[in-house]
C-alpha atoms as a PDB file:
ATOM      1  CA  MET A   1    -120.976 -36.310 144.599  1.00  0.00           C
ATOM      2  CA  SER A   2    -118.587 -34.238 142.208  1.00  0.00           C
ATOM      3  CA  LYS A   3    -119.697 -32.331 139.280  1.00  0.00           C
ATOM      4  CA  PRO A   4    -119.518 -33.478 136.134  1.00  0.00           C
ATOM      5  CA  ASN A   5    -117.515 -31.227 133.694  1.00  0.00           C
ATOM      6  CA  GLN A   6    -115.378 -30.767 136.903  1.00  0.00           C
ATOM      7  CA  VAL A   7    -111.492 -32.105 135.492  1.00  0.00           C
ATOM      8  CA  GLN A   8    -109.892 -34.126 137.996  1.00  0.00           C
ATOM      9  CA  GLY A   9    -106.600 -36.019 138.363  1.00  0.00           C
ATOM     10  CA  GLU A  10    -103.722 -33.609 137.593  1.00  0.00           C
ATOM     11  CA  GLY A  11    -106.516 -30.928 136.427  1.00  0.00           C
ATOM     12  CA  ASN A  12    -108.019 -30.515 139.988  1.00  0.00           C
ATOM     13  CA  TYR A  13    -107.775 -27.515 140.620  1.00  0.00           C
ATOM     14  CA  GLU A  14    -109.348 -27.119 143.598  1.00  0.00           C
ATOM     15  CA  ALA A  15    -107.220 -29.750 145.490  1.00  0.00           C
ATOM     16  CA  ALA A  16    -104.134 -27.720 144.052  1.00  0.00           C
ATOM     17  CA  LYS A  17    -105.873 -24.990 145.464  1.00  0.00           C
ATOM     18  CA  GLU A  18    -106.276 -26.261 148.782  1.00  0.00           C
ATOM     19  CA  TYR A  19    -102.762 -27.318 148.609  1.00  0.00           C
ATOM     20  CA  ASP A  20    -101.849 -23.767 147.838  1.00  0.00           C
ATOM     21  CA  GLN A  21    -103.778 -22.941 150.661  1.00  0.00           C
ATOM     22  CA  ALA A  22    -102.358 -25.466 153.423  1.00  0.00           C
ATOM     23  CA  GLN A  23     -98.566 -24.886 152.268  1.00  0.00           C
ATOM     24  CA  ARG A  24     -99.188 -21.018 152.870  1.00  0.00           C
ATOM     25  CA  LYS A  25    -101.277 -21.786 156.498  1.00  0.00           C
ATOM     26  CA  PHE A  26     -98.162 -23.603 157.661  1.00  0.00           C
ATOM     27  CA  VAL A  27     -95.160 -21.181 156.064  1.00  0.00           C
ATOM     28  CA  LYS A  28     -96.996 -18.475 158.090  1.00  0.00           C
ATOM     29  CA  SER A  29     -97.451 -20.301 161.448  1.00  0.00           C
ATOM     30  CA  GLY A  30     -93.643 -20.426 161.711  1.00  0.00           C
ATOM     31  CA  LYS A  31     -93.789 -23.829 161.788  1.00  0.00           C
ATOM     32  CA  VAL A  32     -90.965 -24.756 158.626  1.00  0.00           C
ATOM     33  CA  ASP A  33     -88.081 -24.480 160.780  1.00  0.00           C
ATOM     34  CA  ALA A  34     -88.621 -27.183 163.754  1.00  0.00           C
ATOM     35  CA  ALA A  35     -90.073 -29.481 160.917  1.00  0.00           C
ATOM     36  CA  ALA A  36     -86.643 -28.489 158.491  1.00  0.00           C
ATOM     37  CA  ARG A  37     -85.159 -29.438 162.085  1.00  0.00           C
ATOM     38  CA  ASN A  38     -87.602 -33.374 162.740  1.00  0.00           C
ATOM     39  CA  ALA A  39     -86.692 -34.059 158.873  1.00  0.00           C
ATOM     40  CA  LYS A  40     -83.485 -34.121 159.206  1.00  0.00           C
ATOM     41  CA  PRO A  41     -81.703 -37.981 159.570  1.00  0.00           C
ATOM     42  CA  LYS A  42     -81.371 -39.297 163.235  1.00  0.00           C
ATOM     43  CA  SER A  43     -78.138 -41.188 162.568  1.00  0.00           C
ATOM     44  CA  GLU A  44     -75.212 -41.542 160.057  1.00  0.00           C
ATOM     45  CA  ALA A  45     -77.643 -44.844 158.913  1.00  0.00           C
ATOM     46  CA  GLU A  46     -80.741 -43.062 158.362  1.00  0.00           C
ATOM     47  CA  ALA A  47     -78.351 -41.037 156.105  1.00  0.00           C
ATOM     48  CA  LYS A  48     -77.366 -43.304 154.151  1.00  0.00           C
ATOM     49  CA  GLU A  49     -80.980 -45.039 153.882  1.00  0.00           C
ATOM     50  CA  MET A  50     -82.283 -41.253 152.687  1.00  0.00           C
ATOM     51  CA  GLN A  51     -79.627 -41.438 150.171  1.00  0.00           C
ATOM     52  CA  ARG A  52     -80.318 -44.944 149.016  1.00  0.00           C
ATOM     53  CA  ALA A  53     -83.871 -43.807 148.261  1.00  0.00           C
ATOM     54  CA  GLU A  54     -83.058 -40.645 146.681  1.00  0.00           C
ATOM     55  CA  GLU A  55     -81.174 -42.117 143.999  1.00  0.00           C
ATOM     56  CA  ALA A  56     -83.984 -45.005 144.135  1.00  0.00           C
ATOM     57  CA  GLY A  57     -86.367 -42.007 143.035  1.00  0.00           C
ATOM     58  CA  ARG A  58     -83.959 -40.512 140.554  1.00  0.00           C
ATOM     59  CA  SER A  59     -83.131 -43.712 139.118  1.00  0.00           C
ATOM     60  CA  HIS A  60     -86.589 -43.182 137.891  1.00  0.00           C
ATOM     61  CA  ALA A  61     -86.689 -39.958 136.816  1.00  0.00           C
ATOM     62  CA  LYS A  62     -86.790 -38.077 133.650  1.00  0.00           C
ATOM     63  CA  GLY A  63     -84.426 -35.595 134.657  1.00  0.00           C
ATOM     64  CA  GLU A  64     -83.832 -32.841 137.224  1.00  0.00           C
ATOM     65  CA  ASP A  65     -86.491 -29.848 136.665  1.00  0.00           C
ATOM     66  CA  PRO A  66     -84.490 -27.381 136.010  1.00  0.00           C
ATOM     67  CA  ALA A  67     -86.063 -25.082 138.176  1.00  0.00           C
ATOM     68  CA  VAL A  68     -84.846 -26.793 141.505  1.00  0.00           C
ATOM     69  CA  GLN A  69     -81.648 -25.353 142.620  1.00  0.00           C
ATOM     70  CA  ARG A  70     -79.992 -28.121 144.849  1.00  0.00           C
ATOM     71  CA  GLY A  71     -77.690 -27.429 147.599  1.00  0.00           C
ATOM     72  CA  SER A  72     -78.698 -23.656 148.001  1.00  0.00           C
ATOM     73  CA  GLY A  73     -79.626 -23.073 151.287  1.00  0.00           C
ATOM     74  CA  GLY A  74     -82.461 -21.213 150.107  1.00  0.00           C
ATOM     75  CA  SER A  75     -86.116 -21.968 148.941  1.00  0.00           C
ATOM     76  CA  GLY A  76     -85.549 -24.816 146.063  1.00  0.00           C
ATOM     77  CA  SER A  77     -86.414 -21.914 143.152  1.00  0.00           C
ATOM     78  CA  SER A  78     -83.888 -20.482 140.786  1.00  0.00           C
ATOM     79  CA  LYS A  79     -84.217 -16.948 138.879  1.00  0.00           C
ATOM     80  CA  PRO A  80     -84.199 -17.223 135.014  1.00  0.00           C
END
């Protein structure tokens, strides 16, 4: 049962903390490179389907987060 004053939804601070901790644990596990390789498309058809799915998602978005730097091969973040 949750506490009466506990913020939920986008303000679920406990869930955010647990997620951050899980991500840090995953990065430290050394399994990131293998997971990235496994996420790559297995065929040209799968690559095209992934591209279509990304385009469909972007068509609903308000815009790209300016903090995201695509195609850099880096961590996904950019420095101001």
